[in-house]
Amino acid sequence: MERSTRLLLFMDVVDAGSFTRAADLRQVNRSVISKQIRALESELKVQLFNRSTRSVSLTDIGQEIYRRGLKMREALDETSDVINAYQTEPMGSLRISCPVHFGRRHVASGLRLYLQRYPHMQIEMRLDDTLVDLIGGGFDLGIRISPMNDSNLIARHLARHQRVLCASPAFVAQHGMPQTLKELIALPAAVYSRDGFELDRLRYIDDEGIERSLRVIPKIKTNDPEILRNAIMAGVGYGMTSGFQVGEDLRDGQLVPLLPDLRLADAPPVQIVYPHRRYLPQKTRRFIECLQEAVGTPPFWEKWLPARGPATALDAEDQPPS
């Protein structure tokens, strides 16, 4: 193995935080990683890591070599990007990270179109509702439905994240169609809840443009969007969920919108994100095109969502604090 290859392997270990995680990312045995790092240390005549039975950390010279190695890796990546950008047809592999439900319902459609057009590509799609480190994990791009706070990533708008209040026809038959917010929040709700994040408050914009919120009464809480959708459809409770999740259910009459004139507070949009590079690889650019085509502009599900107007006002004495 050449020195440059061993240096890249060394940087993978640093980025991953351990020999074991680097081996998992490279899909090789941990002993292979250890052997090559020791060979690099022998070749350079330096010790790159402080090792103990529980952890490894960089030595001073290891930190300096890592900083210098970043420039080498950037140059190699840029060379690959130039080549990829000028390819007439994407080839190789594409690694994608995306939220579970959006991946199953919408990204999968883009993947089918992509593989039909570019049969020489191989795809690895990881579904995960937690925030994944795209660069550290070696992903080419990801789908994010959360605020962007990473300056190393480029974000491209894919779709609005329009929230919808809805219930099953059976739920409405049992409880009646709510006409005001006061009537709505008195009914049982199905609520999304995960890792301290809980949509147990109904956030909306009042007639004066002020965001306000009301606490709902959860009948069921879940961290799985599909279980949430199924609970709403089964009549367990009404719910506030994503338009991209229930648009077709509204079209088919399996769900009905509630308080369609209520203006709900905005949610972060659906975005395609990828590492900041001077040249966007052909394989990434073509996938973005296929995904946008599959989703539509505007997204196809928006035609079945209620056109939100001004907020349904509460009686003055019932107006909640913001």
Protein backbone atom coordinates (compact mmCIF):
# COMPACT_ATOMS: atom_id res chain seq x y z
CA MET A 1 0.00 0.00 0.00
CA GLU A 2 1.39 3.41 -1.00
CA ARG A 3 2.10 6.12 1.56
CA SER A 4 -0.68 8.39 0.22
CA THR A 5 -3.21 5.57 0.60
CA ARG A 6 -2.06 4.92 4.18
CA LEU A 7 -2.31 8.63 4.93
CA LEU A 8 -5.93 8.66 3.74
CA LEU A 9 -6.57 5.62 5.93
CA PHE A 10 -5.02 7.44 8.89
CA MET A 11 -7.34 10.40 8.27
CA ASP A 12 -10.34 8.07 8.15
CA VAL A 13 -9.42 6.80 11.62
CA VAL A 14 -9.18 10.37 12.93
CA ASP A 15 -12.51 11.37 11.33
CA ALA A 16 -14.27 8.24 12.57
CA GLY A 17 -12.88 8.60 16.10
CA SER A 18 -11.66 5.01 16.41
CA PHE A 19 -10.01 2.15 14.52
CA THR A 20 -13.18 0.08 14.83
CA ARG A 21 -15.48 2.70 13.32
CA ALA A 22 -13.01 3.36 10.50
CA ALA A 23 -12.91 -0.37 9.78
CA ASP A 24 -16.73 -0.47 9.69
CA LEU A 25 -16.86 2.44 7.25
CA ARG A 26 -14.27 0.81 5.00
CA GLN A 27 -15.88 -2.59 5.49
CA VAL A 28 -12.60 -4.28 6.44
CA ASN A 29 -11.31 -6.04 9.53
CA ARG A 30 -9.98 -3.84 12.32
CA SER A 31 -6.64 -5.66 12.19
CA VAL A 32 -6.15 -4.45 8.60
CA ILE A 33 -6.51 -0.83 9.75
CA SER A 34 -4.12 -1.32 12.67
CA LYS A 35 -1.52 -3.03 10.50
CA GLN A 36 -1.51 -0.26 7.90
CA ILE A 37 -1.34 2.53 10.49
CA ARG A 38 1.63 0.84 12.18
CA ALA A 39 3.27 0.48 8.76
CA LEU A 40 2.76 4.22 8.18
CA GLU A 41 4.25 5.07 11.57
CA SER A 42 7.25 2.86 10.80
CA GLU A 43 7.69 4.45 7.38
CA LEU A 44 7.47 8.00 8.76
CA LYS A 45 9.43 7.09 11.90
CA VAL A 46 6.90 8.84 14.14
CA GLN A 47 4.09 7.83 16.50
CA LEU A 48 0.75 9.12 15.23
CA PHE A 49 -1.50 7.91 18.06
CA ASN A 50 -1.31 7.63 21.82
CA ARG A 51 -2.79 4.21 22.49
CA SER A 52 -4.36 2.77 25.63
CA THR A 53 -6.57 -0.22 26.31
CA ARG A 54 -9.68 1.99 26.08
CA SER A 55 -8.96 4.76 23.60
CA VAL A 56 -6.60 6.34 21.09
CA SER A 57 -5.72 10.00 20.67
CA LEU A 58 -3.50 11.94 18.31
CA THR A 59 0.05 12.82 19.23
CA ASP A 60 1.29 16.34 18.47
CA ILE A 61 2.95 15.17 15.27
CA GLY A 62 -0.18 13.20 14.43
CA GLN A 63 -2.27 16.37 14.68
CA GLU A 64 0.13 18.23 12.40
CA ILE A 65 0.17 15.44 9.80
CA TYR A 66 -3.62 15.33 9.88
CA ARG A 67 -3.81 19.09 9.19
CA ARG A 68 -1.42 18.72 6.26
CA GLY A 69 -3.30 15.68 5.04
CA LEU A 70 -6.50 17.70 4.73
CA LYS A 71 -4.95 19.65 1.86
CA MET A 72 -3.88 16.44 0.14
CA ARG A 73 -7.34 14.93 0.48
CA GLU A 74 -8.98 18.12 -0.76
CA ALA A 75 -6.75 18.09 -3.86
CA LEU A 76 -7.55 14.43 -4.54
CA ASP A 77 -11.28 15.06 -4.06
CA GLU A 78 -11.16 18.02 -6.41
CA THR A 79 -9.40 15.93 -9.06
CA SER A 80 -12.11 13.27 -8.74
CA ASP A 81 -14.80 15.94 -8.86
CA VAL A 82 -13.42 17.37 -12.11
CA ILE A 83 -13.39 13.92 -13.68
CA ASN A 84 -16.89 13.10 -12.43
CA ALA A 85 -18.27 16.46 -13.51
CA TYR A 86 -17.20 15.80 -17.11
CA GLN A 87 -18.37 12.22 -17.36
CA THR A 88 -21.08 11.74 -19.96
CA GLU A 89 -22.85 9.17 -17.75
CA PRO A 90 -22.67 8.67 -13.97
CA MET A 91 -20.76 5.57 -12.87
CA GLY A 92 -19.76 4.16 -9.51
CA SER A 93 -21.67 4.30 -6.22
CA LEU A 94 -23.89 6.87 -4.53
CA ARG A 95 -24.43 6.92 -0.76
CA ILE A 96 -27.58 8.67 0.49
CA SER A 97 -28.88 9.43 3.99
CA CYS A 98 -32.50 10.42 4.55
CA PRO A 99 -35.34 10.32 7.10
CA VAL A 100 -37.19 7.02 7.20
CA HIS A 101 -40.67 7.99 6.07
CA PHE A 102 -39.69 10.53 3.40
CA GLY A 103 -37.14 8.05 2.08
CA ARG A 104 -39.68 5.25 1.75
CA ARG A 105 -42.46 7.35 0.22
CA HIS A 106 -40.55 9.75 -2.04
CA VAL A 107 -36.78 9.23 -2.30
CA ALA A 108 -37.36 5.61 -3.36
CA SER A 109 -39.29 6.91 -6.40
CA GLY A 110 -36.36 9.11 -7.35
CA LEU A 111 -34.00 6.15 -6.96
CA ARG A 112 -36.04 3.99 -9.32
CA LEU A 113 -35.95 6.71 -11.97
CA TYR A 114 -32.22 7.22 -11.41
CA LEU A 115 -31.34 3.54 -11.82
CA GLN A 116 -33.50 3.24 -14.92
CA ARG A 117 -31.53 6.06 -16.55
CA TYR A 118 -28.10 5.19 -15.17
CA PRO A 119 -27.90 1.40 -14.83
CA HIS A 120 -24.15 1.43 -14.14
CA MET A 121 -24.67 3.14 -10.77
CA GLN A 122 -24.86 1.35 -7.41
CA ILE A 123 -26.90 2.86 -4.58
CA GLU A 124 -26.63 2.68 -0.80
CA MET A 125 -29.51 4.42 0.98
CA ARG A 126 -29.45 4.71 4.79
CA LEU A 127 -32.77 5.54 6.46
CA ASP A 128 -32.31 7.31 9.78
CA ASP A 129 -34.42 9.92 11.59
CA THR A 130 -31.41 11.15 13.60
CA LEU A 131 -29.08 13.84 12.28
CA VAL A 132 -26.30 12.02 10.40
CA ASP A 133 -22.78 13.36 9.85
CA LEU A 134 -22.70 13.29 6.05
CA ILE A 135 -19.02 14.07 5.67
CA GLY A 136 -17.79 11.82 8.48
CA GLY A 137 -20.08 9.04 7.30
CA GLY A 138 -18.88 9.26 3.70
CA PHE A 139 -22.28 10.15 2.23
CA ASP A 140 -22.61 11.88 -1.12
CA LEU A 141 -25.83 13.64 -0.15
CA GLY A 142 -28.67 13.61 2.33
CA ILE A 143 -32.25 14.74 2.81
CA ARG A 144 -32.81 17.08 5.75
CA ILE A 145 -36.08 18.27 7.29
CA SER A 146 -34.46 20.36 9.99
CA PRO A 147 -32.71 23.74 10.31
CA MET A 148 -29.32 23.91 8.56
CA ASN A 149 -26.38 24.79 10.80
CA ASP A 150 -23.41 23.23 8.99
CA SER A 151 -21.40 25.61 6.84
CA ASN A 152 -19.60 22.65 5.21
CA LEU A 153 -22.82 21.60 3.48
CA ILE A 154 -24.71 23.05 0.54
CA ALA A 155 -28.52 22.99 0.84
CA ARG A 156 -30.88 22.87 -2.13
CA HIS A 157 -34.62 23.37 -1.65
CA LEU A 158 -36.74 20.35 -2.59
CA ALA A 159 -40.17 21.01 -1.08
CA ARG A 160 -42.11 23.00 1.50
CA HIS A 161 -42.81 21.16 4.71
CA GLN A 162 -46.49 21.99 5.05
CA ARG A 163 -48.15 20.60 8.16
CA VAL A 164 -51.74 19.39 8.06
CA LEU A 165 -54.40 18.92 10.71
CA CYS A 166 -56.44 15.87 9.82
CA ALA A 167 -58.54 12.98 11.11
CA SER A 168 -60.30 9.91 9.79
CA PRO A 169 -63.96 10.05 8.72
CA ALA A 170 -64.72 7.61 11.57
CA PHE A 171 -63.14 10.00 14.09
CA VAL A 172 -65.25 12.89 12.78
CA ALA A 173 -68.39 10.72 12.86
CA GLN A 174 -67.72 9.90 16.52
CA HIS A 175 -66.62 13.33 17.78
CA GLY A 176 -68.10 15.73 15.27
CA MET A 177 -66.29 18.16 12.99
CA PRO A 178 -64.57 20.81 15.16
CA GLN A 179 -65.39 24.36 14.13
CA THR A 180 -63.00 26.25 16.45
CA LEU A 181 -59.61 25.72 18.04
CA LYS A 182 -61.31 25.40 21.41
CA GLU A 183 -63.38 22.48 20.15
CA LEU A 184 -60.37 20.88 18.45
CA ILE A 185 -58.00 20.83 21.43
CA ALA A 186 -60.67 19.22 23.60
CA LEU A 187 -60.44 16.09 21.40
CA PRO A 188 -57.87 13.25 21.72
CA ALA A 189 -54.73 13.71 19.60
CA ALA A 190 -52.05 11.51 18.03
CA VAL A 191 -48.67 13.14 18.69
CA TYR A 192 -45.16 12.71 17.28
CA SER A 193 -42.56 12.45 20.06
CA ARG A 194 -38.84 11.62 19.91
CA ASP A 195 -35.78 12.28 22.08
CA GLY A 196 -37.24 15.21 23.99
CA PHE A 197 -38.91 16.65 20.87
CA GLU A 198 -42.67 16.47 21.17
CA LEU A 199 -45.37 18.01 18.98
CA ASP A 200 -47.81 18.29 21.88
CA ARG A 201 -48.56 21.94 21.15
CA LEU A 202 -50.54 23.24 18.21
CA ARG A 203 -48.61 26.22 16.83
CA TYR A 204 -50.46 28.60 14.56
CA ILE A 205 -50.42 32.19 13.28
CA ASP A 206 -53.25 34.42 14.47
CA ASP A 207 -55.04 37.17 12.52
CA GLU A 208 -52.38 39.69 13.56
CA GLY A 209 -49.50 37.52 12.29
CA ILE A 210 -48.38 36.48 15.79
CA GLU A 211 -47.38 32.87 16.41
CA ARG A 212 -49.32 31.28 19.23
CA SER A 213 -49.65 27.79 20.64
CA LEU A 214 -52.14 25.58 22.42
CA ARG A 215 -51.45 22.35 24.28
CA VAL A 216 -53.26 19.30 22.92
CA ILE A 217 -54.43 16.15 24.73
CA PRO A 218 -52.29 13.19 23.53
CA LYS A 219 -54.06 9.86 23.24
CA ILE A 220 -51.01 8.22 21.68
CA LYS A 221 -47.38 9.33 21.29
CA THR A 222 -44.92 7.73 18.90
CA ASN A 223 -41.56 8.39 17.26
CA ASP A 224 -42.57 6.58 14.06
CA PRO A 225 -44.33 8.70 11.41
CA GLU A 226 -45.96 5.63 9.86
CA ILE A 227 -47.43 4.51 13.20
CA LEU A 228 -48.64 8.08 13.72
CA ARG A 229 -50.35 8.05 10.32
CA ASN A 230 -51.92 4.66 11.01
CA ALA A 231 -53.21 5.85 14.40
CA ILE A 232 -54.86 8.87 12.78
CA MET A 233 -56.39 6.73 10.05
CA ALA A 234 -57.68 4.25 12.67
CA GLY A 235 -59.52 7.05 14.46
CA VAL A 236 -57.40 6.94 17.63
CA GLY A 237 -57.05 10.71 17.51
CA TYR A 238 -56.70 13.64 15.18
CA GLY A 239 -53.16 14.64 14.28
CA MET A 240 -50.87 17.30 12.92
CA THR A 241 -48.60 15.65 10.40
CA SER A 242 -46.57 16.39 7.27
CA GLY A 243 -48.38 17.08 4.02
CA PHE A 244 -45.95 14.85 2.10
CA GLN A 245 -47.01 12.01 4.40
CA VAL A 246 -50.80 12.21 4.02
CA GLY A 247 -51.46 14.01 0.72
CA GLU A 248 -52.62 10.85 -1.04
CA ASP A 249 -54.77 9.86 1.96
CA LEU A 250 -56.55 13.22 1.72
CA ARG A 251 -57.02 12.67 -2.01
CA ASP A 252 -58.56 9.25 -1.44
CA GLY A 253 -60.85 10.41 1.40
CA GLN A 254 -59.17 8.18 3.98
CA LEU A 255 -58.38 11.35 5.93
CA VAL A 256 -60.18 14.69 6.04
CA PRO A 257 -58.65 18.10 6.84
CA LEU A 258 -59.60 19.88 10.05
CA LEU A 259 -59.94 23.67 10.40
CA PRO A 260 -58.73 24.19 6.81
CA ASP A 261 -58.60 27.98 7.29
CA LEU A 262 -56.15 27.71 10.16
CA ARG A 263 -52.67 28.95 9.28
CA LEU A 264 -50.18 26.61 10.95
CA ALA A 265 -46.68 27.77 11.86
CA ASP A 266 -44.02 27.01 9.26
CA ALA A 267 -41.76 23.98 9.58
CA PRO A 268 -38.22 23.69 8.14
CA PRO A 269 -38.39 22.83 4.41
CA VAL A 270 -37.29 19.54 2.86
CA GLN A 271 -33.77 20.10 1.54
CA ILE A 272 -31.16 18.15 -0.38
CA VAL A 273 -27.77 18.67 1.26
CA TYR A 274 -24.30 17.66 0.12
CA PRO A 275 -20.67 18.47 0.98
CA HIS A 276 -19.36 21.80 -0.25
CA ARG A 277 -17.31 21.18 -3.39
CA ARG A 278 -16.14 23.31 -6.27
CA TYR A 279 -17.32 20.69 -8.78
CA LEU A 280 -20.53 18.81 -8.05
CA PRO A 281 -20.04 15.20 -9.20
CA GLN A 282 -22.12 14.08 -12.14
CA LYS A 283 -23.61 11.21 -10.14
CA THR A 284 -24.90 13.63 -7.47
CA ARG A 285 -26.22 16.19 -9.93
CA ARG A 286 -28.15 13.59 -11.91
CA PHE A 287 -29.70 12.09 -8.79
CA ILE A 288 -30.91 15.52 -7.66
CA GLU A 289 -32.53 15.97 -11.07
CA CYS A 290 -34.27 12.58 -10.82
CA LEU A 291 -35.51 13.22 -7.29
CA GLN A 292 -36.86 16.65 -8.22
CA GLU A 293 -38.61 15.12 -11.24
CA ALA A 294 -40.16 12.36 -9.10
CA VAL A 295 -41.37 14.82 -6.45
CA GLY A 296 -42.47 17.49 -8.91
CA THR A 297 -42.31 21.29 -8.92
CA PRO A 298 -44.37 22.09 -6.95
CA PRO A 299 -44.47 18.70 -5.20
CA PHE A 300 -47.35 16.55 -6.42
CA TRP A 301 -48.88 16.06 -2.96
CA GLU A 302 -49.53 19.78 -2.47
CA LYS A 303 -52.53 19.66 -4.84
CA TRP A 304 -54.46 17.66 -2.23
CA LEU A 305 -53.56 19.80 0.79
CA PRO A 306 -55.92 22.51 2.12
CA ALA A 307 -55.05 26.05 1.08
CA ARG A 308 -54.33 27.60 4.44
CA GLY A 309 -55.85 31.01 5.07
CA PRO A 310 -55.97 33.25 8.13
CA ALA A 311 -56.25 31.65 11.56
CA THR A 312 -59.56 30.51 12.96
CA ALA A 313 -59.98 32.94 15.81
CA LEU A 314 -60.79 31.91 19.37
CA ASP A 315 -63.19 33.84 21.54
CA ALA A 316 -61.34 36.78 23.07
CA GLU A 317 -61.39 35.36 26.58
CA ASP A 318 -59.98 32.07 25.35
CA GLN A 319 -57.10 33.56 23.36
CA PRO A 320 -53.95 31.83 24.64
CA PRO A 321 -50.67 33.60 25.40
CA SER A 322 -48.00 33.44 22.71
